[in-house]
Amino acid sequence: MDGRLIVSTRQRKVLALDDVVSDLEEGTGPTDCGGWLVDVCDALTDHSSEFIEQLHDKIIDLEDNLLDQQFHRVDSWLCCANN
């Protein structure tokens, strides 16, 4: 990294970098290395937060489904026990 060039390598596509590159192409991106680093960290945080929120929603859905299954089992057991 120097005043004009940033070289990076990656094993997988990093969507956060695509966001920063897109901003640079539109002329709204960072103007120096420090700004680039801040924008990359910002984009990484945004993407991580979105992923964590989606994961949290899936966990809540799984918990709800599990509780529904347990309720139906108990309800079925009570119906059978009363007969």
N, C-alpha and C. Protein backbone atom coordinates (compact mmCIF):
# COMPACT_ATOMS: atom_id res chain seq x y z
N MET A 1 0.86 -1.17 0.00
CA MET A 1 0.00 0.00 0.00
C MET A 1 0.91 1.23 0.00
N ASP A 2 0.61 2.11 -0.91
CA ASP A 2 1.29 3.40 -0.89
C ASP A 2 0.27 4.48 -1.23
N GLY A 3 0.70 5.65 -1.53
CA GLY A 3 -0.21 6.76 -1.78
C GLY A 3 -1.09 6.60 -3.01
N ARG A 4 -0.71 5.70 -3.93
CA ARG A 4 -1.48 5.54 -5.16
C ARG A 4 -1.96 4.12 -5.41
N LEU A 5 -1.44 3.15 -4.69
CA LEU A 5 -1.70 1.75 -5.04
C LEU A 5 -1.97 0.91 -3.80
N ILE A 6 -3.01 0.09 -3.88
CA ILE A 6 -3.31 -0.87 -2.82
C ILE A 6 -3.38 -2.24 -3.47
N VAL A 7 -2.57 -3.17 -3.00
CA VAL A 7 -2.56 -4.52 -3.53
C VAL A 7 -3.05 -5.44 -2.43
N SER A 8 -3.98 -6.33 -2.79
CA SER A 8 -4.48 -7.27 -1.79
C SER A 8 -4.68 -8.63 -2.44
N THR A 9 -4.71 -9.65 -1.63
CA THR A 9 -5.02 -11.01 -2.10
C THR A 9 -6.13 -11.54 -1.24
N ARG A 10 -6.87 -12.50 -1.80
CA ARG A 10 -7.95 -13.09 -1.02
C ARG A 10 -8.23 -14.48 -1.55
N GLN A 11 -8.70 -15.32 -0.66
CA GLN A 11 -9.07 -16.67 -1.04
C GLN A 11 -10.51 -16.70 -1.54
N ARG A 12 -11.36 -15.89 -0.92
CA ARG A 12 -12.78 -15.81 -1.29
C ARG A 12 -13.13 -14.37 -1.64
N LYS A 13 -14.24 -14.23 -2.36
CA LYS A 13 -14.73 -12.89 -2.70
C LYS A 13 -15.18 -12.19 -1.41
N VAL A 14 -14.78 -10.95 -1.25
CA VAL A 14 -15.15 -10.16 -0.08
C VAL A 14 -16.07 -9.04 -0.55
N LEU A 15 -17.36 -9.17 -0.21
CA LEU A 15 -18.35 -8.20 -0.68
C LEU A 15 -18.06 -6.79 -0.18
N ALA A 16 -17.47 -6.70 0.99
CA ALA A 16 -17.14 -5.38 1.55
C ALA A 16 -16.17 -4.64 0.64
N LEU A 17 -15.22 -5.35 0.06
CA LEU A 17 -14.28 -4.70 -0.85
C LEU A 17 -14.97 -4.25 -2.12
N ASP A 18 -15.94 -5.04 -2.58
CA ASP A 18 -16.71 -4.63 -3.76
C ASP A 18 -17.44 -3.31 -3.51
N ASP A 19 -17.95 -3.14 -2.30
CA ASP A 19 -18.63 -1.88 -1.94
C ASP A 19 -17.67 -0.69 -2.05
N VAL A 20 -16.47 -0.87 -1.52
CA VAL A 20 -15.48 0.22 -1.54
C VAL A 20 -15.03 0.50 -2.98
N VAL A 21 -14.80 -0.56 -3.75
CA VAL A 21 -14.40 -0.38 -5.15
C VAL A 21 -15.50 0.34 -5.93
N SER A 22 -16.74 -0.03 -5.67
CA SER A 22 -17.88 0.63 -6.34
C SER A 22 -17.90 2.12 -6.01
N ASP A 23 -17.68 2.45 -4.74
CA ASP A 23 -17.63 3.86 -4.35
C ASP A 23 -16.48 4.59 -5.06
N LEU A 24 -15.34 3.92 -5.17
CA LEU A 24 -14.21 4.53 -5.87
C LEU A 24 -14.53 4.79 -7.34
N GLU A 25 -15.19 3.82 -7.96
CA GLU A 25 -15.55 3.96 -9.38
C GLU A 25 -16.55 5.10 -9.60
N GLU A 26 -17.40 5.32 -8.60
CA GLU A 26 -18.39 6.40 -8.70
C GLU A 26 -17.81 7.76 -8.31
N GLY A 27 -16.57 7.75 -7.84
CA GLY A 27 -15.93 9.00 -7.45
C GLY A 27 -16.28 9.46 -6.05
N THR A 28 -16.92 8.57 -5.26
CA THR A 28 -17.31 8.95 -3.89
C THR A 28 -16.51 8.20 -2.84
N GLY A 29 -15.49 7.48 -3.27
CA GLY A 29 -14.72 6.66 -2.33
C GLY A 29 -13.67 7.46 -1.59
N PRO A 30 -12.86 6.75 -0.82
CA PRO A 30 -11.82 7.40 -0.02
C PRO A 30 -10.76 8.04 -0.92
N THR A 31 -10.10 9.04 -0.37
CA THR A 31 -9.09 9.77 -1.14
C THR A 31 -7.67 9.47 -0.69
N ASP A 32 -7.52 8.70 0.39
CA ASP A 32 -6.18 8.33 0.84
C ASP A 32 -6.23 6.95 1.48
N CYS A 33 -5.07 6.44 1.84
CA CYS A 33 -4.98 5.08 2.40
C CYS A 33 -5.75 4.94 3.71
N GLY A 34 -5.67 5.96 4.55
CA GLY A 34 -6.40 5.92 5.82
C GLY A 34 -7.89 5.86 5.60
N GLY A 35 -8.37 6.67 4.66
CA GLY A 35 -9.79 6.66 4.33
C GLY A 35 -10.23 5.32 3.75
N TRP A 36 -9.35 4.72 2.94
CA TRP A 36 -9.64 3.40 2.38
C TRP A 36 -9.80 2.38 3.49
N LEU A 37 -8.86 2.39 4.43
CA LEU A 37 -8.91 1.44 5.54
C LEU A 37 -10.18 1.62 6.36
N VAL A 38 -10.55 2.85 6.64
CA VAL A 38 -11.78 3.13 7.40
C VAL A 38 -13.00 2.62 6.63
N ASP A 39 -13.05 2.88 5.32
CA ASP A 39 -14.20 2.43 4.51
C ASP A 39 -14.28 0.91 4.45
N VAL A 40 -13.13 0.24 4.33
CA VAL A 40 -13.13 -1.23 4.30
C VAL A 40 -13.63 -1.77 5.63
N CYS A 41 -13.13 -1.24 6.73
CA CYS A 41 -13.58 -1.69 8.06
C CYS A 41 -15.07 -1.44 8.25
N ASP A 42 -15.52 -0.29 7.80
CA ASP A 42 -16.95 0.06 7.87
C ASP A 42 -17.79 -0.94 7.08
N ALA A 43 -17.37 -1.24 5.86
CA ALA A 43 -18.11 -2.17 5.01
C ALA A 43 -18.09 -3.58 5.61
N LEU A 44 -16.95 -4.00 6.15
CA LEU A 44 -16.86 -5.32 6.80
C LEU A 44 -17.83 -5.40 7.98
N THR A 45 -17.88 -4.35 8.77
CA THR A 45 -18.79 -4.31 9.92
C THR A 45 -20.24 -4.38 9.46
N ASP A 46 -20.58 -3.63 8.41
CA ASP A 46 -21.96 -3.66 7.89
C ASP A 46 -22.35 -5.05 7.43
N HIS A 47 -21.47 -5.69 6.65
CA HIS A 47 -21.78 -7.03 6.14
C HIS A 47 -21.85 -8.05 7.27
N SER A 48 -20.96 -7.93 8.25
CA SER A 48 -20.99 -8.85 9.39
C SER A 48 -22.27 -8.68 10.19
N SER A 49 -22.68 -7.44 10.40
CA SER A 49 -23.91 -7.18 11.15
C SER A 49 -25.13 -7.76 10.45
N GLU A 50 -25.18 -7.61 9.11
CA GLU A 50 -26.29 -8.18 8.35
C GLU A 50 -26.32 -9.70 8.49
N PHE A 51 -25.15 -10.34 8.39
CA PHE A 51 -25.06 -11.79 8.52
C PHE A 51 -25.51 -12.24 9.90
N ILE A 52 -25.04 -11.56 10.93
CA ILE A 52 -25.40 -11.92 12.30
C ILE A 52 -26.90 -11.75 12.53
N GLU A 53 -27.48 -10.70 11.98
CA GLU A 53 -28.92 -10.48 12.11
C GLU A 53 -29.71 -11.59 11.42
N GLN A 54 -29.29 -11.99 10.23
CA GLN A 54 -29.95 -13.09 9.52
C GLN A 54 -29.82 -14.39 10.29
N LEU A 55 -28.64 -14.64 10.83
CA LEU A 55 -28.41 -15.84 11.63
C LEU A 55 -29.29 -15.84 12.87
N HIS A 56 -29.40 -14.70 13.53
CA HIS A 56 -30.24 -14.57 14.72
C HIS A 56 -31.70 -14.87 14.38
N ASP A 57 -32.18 -14.34 13.26
CA ASP A 57 -33.56 -14.60 12.83
C ASP A 57 -33.79 -16.09 12.59
N LYS A 58 -32.82 -16.76 11.98
CA LYS A 58 -32.96 -18.20 11.73
C LYS A 58 -32.98 -18.99 13.05
N ILE A 59 -32.16 -18.57 14.00
CA ILE A 59 -32.14 -19.24 15.30
C ILE A 59 -33.47 -19.07 16.01
N ILE A 60 -34.04 -17.89 15.95
CA ILE A 60 -35.35 -17.66 16.57
C ILE A 60 -36.41 -18.54 15.92
N ASP A 61 -36.38 -18.64 14.58
CA ASP A 61 -37.33 -19.51 13.88
C ASP A 61 -37.17 -20.96 14.31
N LEU A 62 -35.93 -21.42 14.44
CA LEU A 62 -35.68 -22.80 14.89
C LEU A 62 -36.20 -23.02 16.30
N GLU A 63 -35.95 -22.06 17.18
CA GLU A 63 -36.45 -22.17 18.55
C GLU A 63 -37.98 -22.22 18.57
N ASP A 64 -38.62 -21.36 17.79
CA ASP A 64 -40.08 -21.35 17.72
C ASP A 64 -40.62 -22.69 17.22
N ASN A 65 -40.00 -23.23 16.18
CA ASN A 65 -40.43 -24.52 15.64
C ASN A 65 -40.25 -25.63 16.67
N LEU A 66 -39.14 -25.60 17.39
CA LEU A 66 -38.89 -26.61 18.42
C LEU A 66 -39.92 -26.51 19.54
N LEU A 67 -40.22 -25.30 19.98
CA LEU A 67 -41.22 -25.13 21.03
C LEU A 67 -42.60 -25.57 20.56
N ASP A 68 -42.94 -25.29 19.30
CA ASP A 68 -44.23 -25.74 18.75
C ASP A 68 -44.30 -27.26 18.74
N GLN A 69 -43.22 -27.91 18.34
CA GLN A 69 -43.19 -29.37 18.32
C GLN A 69 -43.36 -29.94 19.72
N GLN A 70 -42.66 -29.35 20.68
CA GLN A 70 -42.77 -29.82 22.06
C GLN A 70 -44.18 -29.61 22.59
N PHE A 71 -44.79 -28.48 22.29
CA PHE A 71 -46.15 -28.20 22.73
C PHE A 71 -47.11 -29.22 22.15
N HIS A 72 -46.98 -29.52 20.86
CA HIS A 72 -47.88 -30.48 20.22
C HIS A 72 -47.69 -31.89 20.80
N ARG A 73 -46.47 -32.25 21.15
CA ARG A 73 -46.23 -33.57 21.77
C ARG A 73 -46.91 -33.64 23.14
N VAL A 74 -46.73 -32.59 23.94
CA VAL A 74 -47.34 -32.58 25.27
C VAL A 74 -48.86 -32.57 25.15
N ASP A 75 -49.38 -31.77 24.22
CA ASP A 75 -50.82 -31.70 24.01
C ASP A 75 -51.36 -33.06 23.58
N SER A 76 -50.65 -33.74 22.67
CA SER A 76 -51.08 -35.07 22.23
C SER A 76 -51.02 -36.07 23.39
N TRP A 77 -49.98 -35.99 24.18
CA TRP A 77 -49.84 -36.90 25.31
C TRP A 77 -50.98 -36.68 26.31
N LEU A 78 -51.32 -35.42 26.59
CA LEU A 78 -52.40 -35.12 27.53
C LEU A 78 -53.74 -35.62 27.00
N CYS A 79 -53.97 -35.48 25.71
CA CYS A 79 -55.23 -35.98 25.13
C CYS A 79 -55.32 -37.49 25.27
N CYS A 80 -54.21 -38.18 25.01
CA CYS A 80 -54.20 -39.64 25.12
C CYS A 80 -54.34 -40.08 26.57
N ALA A 81 -53.73 -39.35 27.49
CA ALA A 81 -53.78 -39.71 28.90
C ALA A 81 -55.18 -39.52 29.47
N ASN A 82 -55.92 -38.55 28.96
CA ASN A 82 -57.27 -38.28 29.44
C ASN A 82 -58.29 -39.27 28.89
N ASN A 83 -57.95 -39.96 27.82
CA ASN A 83 -58.90 -40.92 27.22
C ASN A 83 -58.73 -42.24 27.83
